[in-house]
N, C-alpha and C. Protein backbone atom coordinates (compact mmCIF):
# COMPACT_ATOMS: atom_id res chain seq x y z
N MET A 1 171.01 -32.95 122.37
CA MET A 1 169.85 -33.02 121.53
C MET A 1 168.66 -33.45 122.38
N GLY A 2 167.54 -32.80 122.17
CA GLY A 2 166.31 -33.13 122.89
C GLY A 2 165.50 -34.14 122.09
N SER A 3 164.23 -34.13 122.32
CA SER A 3 163.36 -35.12 121.70
C SER A 3 162.73 -34.61 120.42
N ALA A 4 162.17 -35.53 119.69
CA ALA A 4 161.34 -35.21 118.54
C ALA A 4 159.98 -35.84 118.82
N GLY A 5 158.94 -35.08 118.62
CA GLY A 5 157.60 -35.60 118.88
C GLY A 5 156.62 -34.47 119.04
N SER A 6 155.61 -34.69 119.85
CA SER A 6 154.54 -33.72 119.99
C SER A 6 154.14 -33.54 121.45
N PHE A 7 153.53 -32.40 121.70
CA PHE A 7 152.81 -32.13 122.94
C PHE A 7 151.39 -31.79 122.53
N VAL A 8 150.42 -32.29 123.26
CA VAL A 8 149.03 -31.90 123.04
C VAL A 8 148.49 -31.36 124.36
N VAL A 9 147.74 -30.26 124.26
CA VAL A 9 147.21 -29.59 125.45
C VAL A 9 145.77 -29.18 125.18
N PRO A 10 144.81 -30.04 125.53
CA PRO A 10 143.41 -29.64 125.45
C PRO A 10 142.76 -29.67 126.83
N ARG A 11 141.58 -29.10 126.91
CA ARG A 11 140.74 -29.34 128.08
C ARG A 11 140.01 -30.65 127.76
N SER A 12 140.10 -31.61 128.67
CA SER A 12 139.51 -32.92 128.39
C SER A 12 139.20 -33.63 129.69
N ASP A 13 138.09 -34.37 129.69
CA ASP A 13 137.69 -35.16 130.85
C ASP A 13 138.36 -36.52 130.90
N ARG A 14 138.95 -36.94 129.82
CA ARG A 14 139.52 -38.27 129.79
C ARG A 14 141.01 -38.22 129.44
N PRO A 15 141.74 -39.27 129.77
CA PRO A 15 143.18 -39.30 129.44
C PRO A 15 143.40 -39.13 127.94
N LEU A 16 144.41 -38.39 127.58
CA LEU A 16 144.65 -38.07 126.18
C LEU A 16 145.09 -39.28 125.36
N VAL A 17 145.64 -40.28 126.02
CA VAL A 17 146.02 -41.48 125.27
C VAL A 17 144.79 -42.18 124.68
N GLU A 18 143.60 -41.81 125.15
CA GLU A 18 142.36 -42.39 124.61
C GLU A 18 141.81 -41.61 123.42
N ALA A 19 142.37 -40.45 123.13
CA ALA A 19 141.87 -39.61 122.03
C ALA A 19 142.26 -40.21 120.68
N GLY A 20 141.31 -40.24 119.75
CA GLY A 20 141.56 -40.77 118.42
C GLY A 20 142.66 -40.03 117.68
N ALA A 21 142.73 -38.70 117.83
CA ALA A 21 143.76 -37.92 117.16
C ALA A 21 145.15 -38.29 117.65
N VAL A 22 145.25 -38.60 118.93
CA VAL A 22 146.54 -39.01 119.50
C VAL A 22 146.90 -40.40 119.00
N ALA A 23 145.96 -41.32 119.03
CA ALA A 23 146.21 -42.69 118.56
C ALA A 23 146.61 -42.70 117.09
N ALA A 24 145.95 -41.86 116.27
CA ALA A 24 146.24 -41.82 114.84
C ALA A 24 147.66 -41.34 114.56
N ALA A 25 148.21 -40.49 115.42
CA ALA A 25 149.55 -39.95 115.22
C ALA A 25 150.63 -40.97 115.56
N GLY A 26 150.29 -41.94 116.39
CA GLY A 26 151.28 -42.93 116.80
C GLY A 26 152.26 -42.32 117.79
N GLY A 27 153.40 -42.92 117.91
CA GLY A 27 154.39 -42.45 118.86
C GLY A 27 154.19 -43.07 120.23
N GLU A 28 155.07 -42.71 121.14
CA GLU A 28 155.07 -43.29 122.47
C GLU A 28 154.78 -42.22 123.52
N PRO A 29 153.64 -42.29 124.20
CA PRO A 29 153.36 -41.35 125.28
C PRO A 29 154.45 -41.48 126.35
N CYS A 30 155.03 -40.34 126.76
CA CYS A 30 156.11 -40.45 127.75
C CYS A 30 155.86 -39.63 129.00
N TRP A 31 154.99 -38.64 128.95
CA TRP A 31 154.74 -37.81 130.14
C TRP A 31 153.40 -37.12 129.96
N SER A 32 152.65 -37.04 131.04
CA SER A 32 151.41 -36.27 131.01
C SER A 32 151.13 -35.73 132.39
N ALA A 33 150.29 -34.72 132.44
CA ALA A 33 149.91 -34.09 133.70
C ALA A 33 148.59 -33.38 133.50
N ARG A 34 148.03 -32.88 134.62
CA ARG A 34 146.75 -32.17 134.59
C ARG A 34 146.88 -30.85 135.31
N ASP A 35 146.06 -29.91 134.91
CA ASP A 35 145.85 -28.66 135.63
C ASP A 35 144.35 -28.41 135.56
N GLY A 36 143.64 -28.78 136.60
CA GLY A 36 142.18 -28.69 136.56
C GLY A 36 141.66 -29.58 135.46
N GLY A 37 140.84 -29.03 134.57
CA GLY A 37 140.29 -29.79 133.45
C GLY A 37 141.22 -29.88 132.26
N TRP A 38 142.36 -29.24 132.33
CA TRP A 38 143.33 -29.25 131.23
C TRP A 38 144.30 -30.40 131.40
N ARG A 39 144.74 -30.93 130.29
CA ARG A 39 145.72 -32.02 130.28
C ARG A 39 146.83 -31.69 129.29
N ILE A 40 148.00 -32.24 129.58
CA ILE A 40 149.12 -32.16 128.64
C ILE A 40 149.68 -33.57 128.48
N LEU A 41 150.06 -33.90 127.26
CA LEU A 41 150.66 -35.19 126.96
C LEU A 41 151.84 -34.96 126.03
N GLN A 42 152.98 -35.52 126.39
CA GLN A 42 154.15 -35.50 125.51
C GLN A 42 154.24 -36.86 124.85
N ILE A 43 154.43 -36.85 123.54
CA ILE A 43 154.52 -38.06 122.74
C ILE A 43 155.85 -38.04 122.00
N LEU A 44 156.62 -39.10 122.14
CA LEU A 44 157.89 -39.20 121.42
C LEU A 44 157.66 -39.93 120.11
N GLY A 45 158.23 -39.37 119.03
CA GLY A 45 158.08 -39.98 117.72
C GLY A 45 156.67 -39.83 117.19
N GLY A 46 156.35 -40.60 116.20
CA GLY A 46 155.02 -40.54 115.60
C GLY A 46 154.88 -39.36 114.65
N ASP A 47 153.69 -39.21 114.13
CA ASP A 47 153.35 -38.11 113.24
C ASP A 47 152.81 -36.94 114.05
N ASP A 48 152.64 -35.81 113.40
CA ASP A 48 152.03 -34.66 114.07
C ASP A 48 150.59 -34.99 114.44
N VAL A 49 150.17 -34.55 115.62
CA VAL A 49 148.79 -34.73 116.05
C VAL A 49 147.93 -33.68 115.35
N ASP A 50 146.82 -34.08 114.81
CA ASP A 50 145.90 -33.18 114.10
C ASP A 50 145.11 -32.37 115.13
N GLY A 51 145.47 -31.09 115.28
CA GLY A 51 144.82 -30.22 116.25
C GLY A 51 143.34 -30.01 115.96
N ARG A 52 142.98 -29.96 114.69
CA ARG A 52 141.56 -29.78 114.33
C ARG A 52 140.75 -30.99 114.81
N ARG A 53 141.27 -32.17 114.57
CA ARG A 53 140.57 -33.39 114.99
C ARG A 53 140.51 -33.47 116.52
N LEU A 54 141.61 -33.13 117.19
CA LEU A 54 141.63 -33.16 118.65
C LEU A 54 140.60 -32.18 119.22
N GLY A 55 140.52 -30.99 118.64
CA GLY A 55 139.53 -30.01 119.08
C GLY A 55 138.10 -30.50 118.88
N ALA A 56 137.87 -31.18 117.76
CA ALA A 56 136.53 -31.72 117.50
C ALA A 56 136.20 -32.82 118.51
N GLU A 57 137.19 -33.62 118.86
CA GLU A 57 136.96 -34.70 119.84
C GLU A 57 136.69 -34.16 121.23
N THR A 58 137.44 -33.14 121.64
CA THR A 58 137.30 -32.63 123.00
C THR A 58 136.24 -31.55 123.11
N GLY A 59 135.92 -30.89 122.00
CA GLY A 59 134.96 -29.79 122.02
C GLY A 59 135.50 -28.58 122.77
N ALA A 60 136.82 -28.46 122.83
CA ALA A 60 137.45 -27.40 123.62
C ALA A 60 138.66 -26.82 122.89
N PRO A 61 139.13 -25.66 123.33
CA PRO A 61 140.37 -25.11 122.77
C PRO A 61 141.52 -26.10 122.95
N THR A 62 142.43 -26.12 121.98
CA THR A 62 143.57 -27.02 122.04
C THR A 62 144.86 -26.32 121.63
N LEU A 63 145.96 -26.84 122.14
CA LEU A 63 147.29 -26.51 121.67
C LEU A 63 147.94 -27.81 121.23
N VAL A 64 148.64 -27.76 120.12
CA VAL A 64 149.43 -28.90 119.66
C VAL A 64 150.78 -28.33 119.26
N ALA A 65 151.85 -28.97 119.73
CA ALA A 65 153.20 -28.52 119.38
C ALA A 65 153.99 -29.68 118.82
N SER A 66 154.67 -29.43 117.72
CA SER A 66 155.58 -30.41 117.12
C SER A 66 157.00 -29.95 117.44
N VAL A 67 157.76 -30.83 118.08
CA VAL A 67 159.11 -30.50 118.52
C VAL A 67 160.11 -31.16 117.57
N VAL A 68 161.11 -30.39 117.14
CA VAL A 68 162.14 -30.88 116.24
C VAL A 68 163.46 -30.97 117.00
N ASP A 69 163.90 -32.19 117.26
CA ASP A 69 165.18 -32.46 117.94
C ASP A 69 165.36 -31.68 119.23
N GLY A 70 164.28 -31.26 119.85
CA GLY A 70 164.38 -30.48 121.08
C GLY A 70 164.89 -29.07 120.85
N ASP A 71 165.11 -28.69 119.57
CA ASP A 71 165.71 -27.40 119.26
C ASP A 71 164.69 -26.29 119.00
N PHE A 72 163.56 -26.64 118.43
CA PHE A 72 162.48 -25.67 118.24
C PHE A 72 161.16 -26.41 118.18
N ALA A 73 160.07 -25.66 118.32
CA ALA A 73 158.74 -26.26 118.29
C ALA A 73 157.80 -25.37 117.48
N VAL A 74 156.97 -25.99 116.70
CA VAL A 74 155.90 -25.29 115.98
C VAL A 74 154.62 -25.55 116.77
N VAL A 75 154.00 -24.47 117.25
CA VAL A 75 152.82 -24.56 118.10
C VAL A 75 151.61 -24.08 117.31
N GLU A 76 150.51 -24.81 117.45
CA GLU A 76 149.25 -24.40 116.84
C GLU A 76 148.18 -24.40 117.92
N GLY A 77 147.48 -23.29 118.02
CA GLY A 77 146.34 -23.19 118.93
C GLY A 77 145.07 -23.10 118.12
N ARG A 78 144.02 -23.70 118.64
CA ARG A 78 142.71 -23.66 117.98
C ARG A 78 141.63 -23.46 119.03
N SER A 79 140.64 -22.67 118.68
CA SER A 79 139.48 -22.51 119.54
C SER A 79 138.29 -22.10 118.70
N PRO A 80 137.09 -22.32 119.23
CA PRO A 80 135.88 -22.02 118.46
C PRO A 80 135.78 -20.56 118.01
N SER A 81 136.08 -19.60 118.87
CA SER A 81 135.92 -18.19 118.50
C SER A 81 137.20 -17.52 118.05
N ALA A 82 138.32 -17.79 118.75
CA ALA A 82 139.59 -17.14 118.40
C ALA A 82 140.19 -17.74 117.15
N GLY A 83 139.68 -18.89 116.71
CA GLY A 83 140.18 -19.51 115.50
C GLY A 83 141.53 -20.17 115.69
N ARG A 84 142.33 -20.17 114.65
CA ARG A 84 143.63 -20.83 114.63
C ARG A 84 144.73 -19.80 114.72
N TRP A 85 145.76 -20.10 115.49
CA TRP A 85 146.97 -19.28 115.52
C TRP A 85 148.17 -20.21 115.60
N SER A 86 149.32 -19.69 115.25
CA SER A 86 150.53 -20.51 115.34
C SER A 86 151.70 -19.67 115.80
N ALA A 87 152.70 -20.37 116.29
CA ALA A 87 153.93 -19.73 116.76
C ALA A 87 155.07 -20.72 116.60
N VAL A 88 156.27 -20.20 116.50
CA VAL A 88 157.46 -21.04 116.51
C VAL A 88 158.24 -20.65 117.75
N LEU A 89 158.47 -21.62 118.61
CA LEU A 89 159.28 -21.39 119.80
C LEU A 89 160.73 -21.68 119.45
N SER A 90 161.61 -20.78 119.85
CA SER A 90 163.02 -20.80 119.49
C SER A 90 163.16 -20.43 118.01
N PRO A 91 162.62 -19.24 117.64
CA PRO A 91 162.52 -18.88 116.22
C PRO A 91 163.86 -18.75 115.49
N GLU A 92 164.91 -18.27 116.15
CA GLU A 92 166.21 -18.17 115.48
C GLU A 92 166.71 -19.54 115.07
N THR A 93 166.61 -20.47 116.00
CA THR A 93 167.05 -21.84 115.71
C THR A 93 166.22 -22.44 114.60
N ALA A 94 164.92 -22.20 114.62
CA ALA A 94 164.04 -22.71 113.57
C ALA A 94 164.48 -22.18 112.21
N GLY A 95 164.82 -20.89 112.15
CA GLY A 95 165.31 -20.31 110.90
C GLY A 95 166.60 -20.97 110.43
N GLU A 96 167.49 -21.29 111.37
CA GLU A 96 168.74 -21.97 111.02
C GLU A 96 168.48 -23.36 110.47
N TYR A 97 167.41 -24.00 110.91
CA TYR A 97 167.02 -25.32 110.41
C TYR A 97 166.38 -25.22 109.03
N GLY A 98 166.04 -24.02 108.61
CA GLY A 98 165.34 -23.87 107.34
C GLY A 98 163.84 -23.99 107.46
N CYS A 99 163.31 -23.70 108.65
CA CYS A 99 161.86 -23.73 108.86
C CYS A 99 161.20 -22.81 107.83
N PRO A 100 160.15 -23.26 107.17
CA PRO A 100 159.51 -22.44 106.14
C PRO A 100 159.05 -21.08 106.68
N ASP A 101 159.24 -20.05 105.86
CA ASP A 101 158.90 -18.68 106.27
C ASP A 101 157.44 -18.53 106.70
N HIS A 102 156.52 -19.26 106.07
CA HIS A 102 155.11 -19.10 106.43
C HIS A 102 154.84 -19.57 107.86
N LEU A 103 155.71 -20.39 108.43
CA LEU A 103 155.55 -20.81 109.83
C LEU A 103 156.18 -19.82 110.81
N LEU A 104 157.14 -19.04 110.33
CA LEU A 104 157.85 -18.10 111.20
C LEU A 104 157.06 -16.80 111.32
N VAL A 105 155.94 -16.88 112.00
CA VAL A 105 155.05 -15.74 112.22
C VAL A 105 155.74 -14.78 113.18
N ASP A 106 155.52 -13.48 112.99
CA ASP A 106 156.06 -12.48 113.90
C ASP A 106 155.67 -12.85 115.33
N PRO A 107 156.66 -13.01 116.22
CA PRO A 107 156.35 -13.43 117.60
C PRO A 107 155.37 -12.50 118.32
N GLU A 108 155.39 -11.21 118.04
CA GLU A 108 154.44 -10.30 118.69
C GLU A 108 153.01 -10.60 118.24
N VAL A 109 152.85 -10.92 116.97
CA VAL A 109 151.53 -11.25 116.43
C VAL A 109 151.04 -12.56 117.04
N SER A 110 151.92 -13.58 117.03
CA SER A 110 151.49 -14.87 117.58
C SER A 110 151.22 -14.77 119.08
N ALA A 111 152.00 -13.95 119.80
CA ALA A 111 151.76 -13.78 121.25
C ALA A 111 150.39 -13.15 121.50
N ALA A 112 150.01 -12.16 120.69
CA ALA A 112 148.71 -11.52 120.85
C ALA A 112 147.58 -12.52 120.59
N HIS A 113 147.74 -13.36 119.56
CA HIS A 113 146.73 -14.40 119.28
C HIS A 113 146.67 -15.41 120.42
N ALA A 114 147.82 -15.78 120.95
CA ALA A 114 147.86 -16.75 122.05
C ALA A 114 147.14 -16.21 123.29
N VAL A 115 147.32 -14.93 123.58
CA VAL A 115 146.65 -14.32 124.73
C VAL A 115 145.13 -14.34 124.52
N ARG A 116 144.67 -14.00 123.31
CA ARG A 116 143.23 -14.06 123.02
C ARG A 116 142.70 -15.48 123.17
N TRP A 117 143.48 -16.46 122.68
CA TRP A 117 143.11 -17.86 122.81
C TRP A 117 142.93 -18.23 124.29
N ALA A 118 143.89 -17.85 125.11
CA ALA A 118 143.84 -18.18 126.54
C ALA A 118 142.65 -17.52 127.22
N GLU A 119 142.40 -16.26 126.89
CA GLU A 119 141.26 -15.56 127.49
C GLU A 119 139.95 -16.24 127.11
N GLU A 120 139.82 -16.61 125.84
CA GLU A 120 138.61 -17.30 125.40
C GLU A 120 138.46 -18.64 126.11
N ALA A 121 139.59 -19.29 126.41
CA ALA A 121 139.56 -20.59 127.08
C ALA A 121 139.31 -20.47 128.58
N GLY A 122 139.13 -19.22 129.07
CA GLY A 122 138.86 -19.02 130.49
C GLY A 122 140.10 -19.01 131.36
N LEU A 123 141.27 -18.87 130.73
CA LEU A 123 142.52 -18.82 131.47
C LEU A 123 142.91 -17.37 131.78
N ARG A 124 143.90 -17.19 132.60
CA ARG A 124 144.40 -15.85 132.95
C ARG A 124 145.83 -15.72 132.46
N PRO A 125 146.01 -15.34 131.20
CA PRO A 125 147.36 -15.25 130.65
C PRO A 125 148.11 -14.03 131.17
N ASP A 126 149.42 -14.12 131.12
CA ASP A 126 150.32 -13.01 131.42
C ASP A 126 150.92 -12.58 130.09
N PRO A 127 150.38 -11.51 129.47
CA PRO A 127 150.82 -11.13 128.12
C PRO A 127 152.33 -10.92 127.99
N SER A 128 152.97 -10.33 128.99
CA SER A 128 154.42 -10.11 128.87
C SER A 128 155.18 -11.44 128.93
N ALA A 129 154.71 -12.39 129.73
CA ALA A 129 155.35 -13.70 129.79
C ALA A 129 155.11 -14.48 128.49
N VAL A 130 153.93 -14.33 127.90
CA VAL A 130 153.65 -14.98 126.62
C VAL A 130 154.59 -14.42 125.55
N ALA A 131 154.76 -13.10 125.53
CA ALA A 131 155.68 -12.48 124.56
C ALA A 131 157.10 -12.96 124.78
N ALA A 132 157.53 -13.07 126.04
CA ALA A 132 158.89 -13.52 126.33
C ALA A 132 159.10 -14.96 125.86
N ALA A 133 158.14 -15.84 126.11
CA ALA A 133 158.25 -17.23 125.67
C ALA A 133 158.25 -17.33 124.15
N SER A 134 157.55 -16.43 123.49
CA SER A 134 157.44 -16.45 122.03
C SER A 134 158.72 -16.03 121.33
N THR A 135 159.57 -15.27 122.01
CA THR A 135 160.80 -14.78 121.38
C THR A 135 162.05 -15.47 121.92
N ALA A 136 161.93 -16.22 123.01
CA ALA A 136 163.09 -16.85 123.64
C ALA A 136 163.62 -17.99 122.78
N GLU A 137 164.88 -18.30 123.00
CA GLU A 137 165.49 -19.47 122.39
C GLU A 137 165.57 -20.57 123.43
N GLY A 138 165.45 -21.82 123.00
CA GLY A 138 165.51 -22.95 123.92
C GLY A 138 166.83 -22.98 124.66
N ASP A 139 166.77 -23.13 125.95
CA ASP A 139 167.98 -23.14 126.76
C ASP A 139 167.84 -24.16 127.86
N PRO A 140 168.09 -25.41 127.66
CA PRO A 140 168.69 -25.92 126.43
C PRO A 140 167.68 -26.46 125.42
N PHE A 141 166.41 -26.72 125.85
CA PHE A 141 165.49 -27.40 124.95
C PHE A 141 164.21 -26.62 124.70
N ALA A 142 163.65 -26.81 123.51
CA ALA A 142 162.38 -26.17 123.16
C ALA A 142 161.24 -26.69 124.02
N GLU A 143 161.34 -27.91 124.51
CA GLU A 143 160.30 -28.45 125.38
C GLU A 143 160.11 -27.55 126.61
N ASP A 144 161.22 -27.02 127.13
CA ASP A 144 161.14 -26.12 128.28
C ASP A 144 160.38 -24.85 127.92
N LEU A 145 160.58 -24.36 126.70
CA LEU A 145 159.85 -23.17 126.25
C LEU A 145 158.35 -23.44 126.15
N LEU A 146 158.00 -24.64 125.74
CA LEU A 146 156.58 -24.98 125.64
C LEU A 146 155.93 -24.97 127.02
N ILE A 147 156.61 -25.51 128.02
CA ILE A 147 156.07 -25.50 129.38
C ILE A 147 155.99 -24.06 129.89
N SER A 148 156.98 -23.22 129.54
CA SER A 148 156.94 -21.80 129.90
C SER A 148 155.78 -21.09 129.23
N LEU A 149 155.54 -21.39 127.95
CA LEU A 149 154.43 -20.78 127.24
C LEU A 149 153.11 -21.19 127.89
N ALA A 150 152.96 -22.47 128.20
CA ALA A 150 151.74 -22.95 128.85
C ALA A 150 151.51 -22.20 130.17
N ALA A 151 152.56 -22.04 130.96
CA ALA A 151 152.44 -21.31 132.23
C ALA A 151 152.06 -19.85 131.99
N ALA A 152 152.64 -19.24 130.98
CA ALA A 152 152.32 -17.84 130.66
C ALA A 152 150.87 -17.70 130.21
N LEU A 153 150.34 -18.76 129.60
CA LEU A 153 148.94 -18.75 129.16
C LEU A 153 147.97 -19.02 130.31
N GLY A 154 148.51 -19.43 131.45
CA GLY A 154 147.67 -19.66 132.62
C GLY A 154 147.55 -21.12 133.04
N LEU A 155 148.39 -21.97 132.48
CA LEU A 155 148.39 -23.41 132.78
C LEU A 155 149.67 -23.80 133.49
N THR A 156 149.58 -24.52 134.57
CA THR A 156 150.76 -24.98 135.27
C THR A 156 150.65 -26.48 135.44
N PHE A 157 151.49 -27.18 134.71
CA PHE A 157 151.45 -28.63 134.75
C PHE A 157 152.59 -29.18 135.58
N ALA A 158 152.27 -30.11 136.42
CA ALA A 158 153.27 -30.84 137.19
C ALA A 158 152.70 -32.23 137.41
N GLY A 159 153.56 -33.19 137.47
CA GLY A 159 153.05 -34.52 137.75
C GLY A 159 153.66 -35.58 136.89
N ALA A 160 153.25 -36.77 137.15
CA ALA A 160 153.75 -37.93 136.44
C ALA A 160 152.71 -38.43 135.45
N MET A 161 153.13 -39.35 134.64
CA MET A 161 152.29 -39.94 133.62
C MET A 161 150.99 -40.46 134.21
N GLU A 162 149.88 -40.06 133.59
CA GLU A 162 148.55 -40.56 133.97
C GLU A 162 148.15 -41.63 132.96
N ARG A 163 147.59 -42.67 133.42
CA ARG A 163 147.09 -43.71 132.49
C ARG A 163 145.61 -43.85 132.65
């Protein structure tokens, strides 16, 4: 079994542990890294991070993912022009958990929205890799799929916790 919690991925000049949306969700920050102006933060436990609030705080496109037992993740992307999109990583497993149908968006549709989101954010996405991450099952954990999706969108995170 993997973790339960959230990942947040915005472009931000400051550490994400300082963001009001992150603080409001609670939980324990356990890992973060940077890729240029982009940051990622993994939070164990707590409530879902409000992507709309995080986007308003950072003024930039954001991704927020809620992970369930490391088995699947519900991802939400937001940006000023591309709007909101969502995806479920490890969709078969999510269906087995009884994930609501309205969250189980067609992976091809969500992959196309994710690519538009990345392009608007100034990233260089790999559409075929985004599609592959959108349909893959966690092996062994959905957290790995989230990192794969981020890389497919043009973000490569490595590093230790930043404070």
